[in-house]
Protein backbone atom coordinates (compact mmCIF):
# COMPACT_ATOMS: atom_id res chain seq x y z
CA MET A 1 16.59 68.79 1.77
CA LEU A 2 15.56 68.80 -1.90
CA LYS A 3 18.16 66.12 -2.61
CA LYS A 4 16.66 63.84 0.07
CA LYS A 5 13.14 64.30 -1.31
CA SER A 6 14.34 63.59 -4.84
CA SER A 7 16.14 60.44 -3.73
CA LEU A 8 13.08 59.24 -1.85
CA LEU A 9 10.87 59.92 -4.85
CA LEU A 10 13.22 57.99 -7.15
CA CYS A 11 13.31 55.04 -4.77
CA CYS A 12 9.52 54.95 -4.58
CA ALA A 13 9.22 55.13 -8.36
CA ALA A 14 11.71 52.28 -8.77
CA LEU A 15 9.77 50.13 -6.30
CA LEU A 16 6.51 50.81 -8.09
CA LEU A 17 8.00 49.96 -11.47
CA THR A 18 9.49 46.68 -10.29
CA ALA A 19 6.24 45.76 -8.54
CA CYS A 20 4.43 46.15 -11.86
CA ASP A 21 6.79 43.95 -13.87
CA PRO A 22 4.46 41.98 -16.18
CA SER A 23 6.93 39.10 -16.39
CA LEU A 24 6.43 38.36 -12.69
CA PRO A 25 3.41 36.31 -11.61
CA PRO A 26 0.88 38.06 -9.39
CA ALA A 27 1.56 37.77 -5.67
CA SER A 28 -2.08 37.17 -4.88
CA PRO A 29 -4.63 35.86 -4.83
CA LEU A 30 -3.56 32.28 -4.71
CA PRO A 31 -5.50 29.93 -6.95
CA ASP A 32 -8.20 28.08 -5.03
CA ALA A 33 -7.24 30.21 -1.99
CA ALA A 34 -9.94 28.75 0.25
CA SER A 35 -8.72 25.17 -0.19
CA PRO A 36 -7.12 23.45 2.79
CA ALA A 37 -3.83 23.08 0.88
CA ALA A 38 -3.67 26.79 0.03
CA GLN A 39 -4.44 27.69 3.63
CA LEU A 40 -1.76 25.27 4.81
CA MET A 41 0.71 26.91 2.46
CA VAL A 42 -0.18 30.38 3.75
CA LYS A 43 0.24 29.18 7.33
CA ARG A 44 3.46 27.19 6.95
CA CYS A 45 5.25 29.15 4.22
CA GLY A 46 4.02 32.42 5.66
CA SER A 47 6.04 31.85 8.82
CA CYS A 48 9.17 32.94 6.87
CA HIS A 49 7.86 34.71 3.76
CA GLY A 50 4.70 35.20 1.76
CA ALA A 51 3.06 32.15 0.25
CA PRO A 52 4.52 31.70 -3.23
CA ASN A 53 2.24 31.73 -6.22
CA PRO A 54 2.35 28.24 -7.78
CA VAL A 55 3.07 29.68 -11.23
CA LEU A 56 6.55 30.65 -10.05
CA HIS A 57 7.72 27.16 -11.01
CA ALA A 58 6.81 24.33 -13.35
CA ALA A 59 5.24 21.24 -11.77
CA ASN A 60 8.47 19.23 -12.02
CA GLU A 61 10.41 21.97 -10.17
CA TRP A 62 8.20 22.12 -7.07
CA PRO A 63 9.46 18.96 -5.32
CA ASN A 64 13.00 20.36 -5.21
CA VAL A 65 11.77 23.78 -4.07
CA VAL A 66 9.71 22.25 -1.25
CA PHE A 67 12.68 20.08 -0.24
CA ARG A 68 14.96 23.16 -0.07
CA MET A 69 12.39 25.11 1.94
CA GLN A 70 12.05 22.25 4.43
CA LYS A 71 15.82 22.26 4.82
CA HIS A 72 15.74 26.00 5.56
CA MET A 73 12.88 25.51 8.01
CA THR A 74 14.69 22.86 10.03
CA GLN A 75 17.87 24.97 10.06
CA LYS A 76 15.79 27.76 11.62
CA GLY A 77 14.39 25.37 14.21
CA LEU A 78 10.94 25.16 12.65
CA PRO A 79 9.21 21.81 12.28
CA ALA A 80 9.46 20.15 8.89
CA PHE A 81 6.31 19.31 6.95
CA THR A 82 4.59 16.13 7.98
CA SER A 83 4.18 13.53 5.27
CA GLU A 84 0.53 14.58 4.86
CA GLU A 85 1.43 18.28 4.65
CA ASN A 86 4.16 17.58 2.12
CA THR A 87 1.78 15.59 -0.08
CA ALA A 88 -0.98 18.22 0.15
CA LEU A 89 1.40 21.10 -0.62
CA LEU A 90 3.03 19.35 -3.58
CA GLU A 91 -0.32 18.33 -5.06
CA TYR A 92 -1.59 21.91 -4.76
CA LEU A 93 1.58 23.49 -6.14
CA GLN A 94 1.86 21.08 -9.04
CA LYS A 95 -1.84 21.37 -9.91
CA HIS A 96 -1.54 25.16 -10.21
CA ALA A 97 2.06 25.30 -11.50
CA ARG A 98 3.34 27.19 -14.50
CA PRO A 99 2.49 25.27 -17.69
């Protein structure tokens, strides 16, 4: 019983320590979170995972990331971004991207 409690405590401590890694960008709030593009990202990206913070990538990396995510979405049977959604998401992500 004591072994199980110790293991659980160690797992919780490890999760807390990795969640506080200062090298990782904050999960929230998103920059300009009330903007239509941020809300679109929460809605569309949030169907599979949490909306990524734009500082996860540099501006020039986001087009490839969005392309890969669209590929994953269509493989899962989800609709791809419309041209307007794609433009809005890329503009938002690149505007707030890692310098």
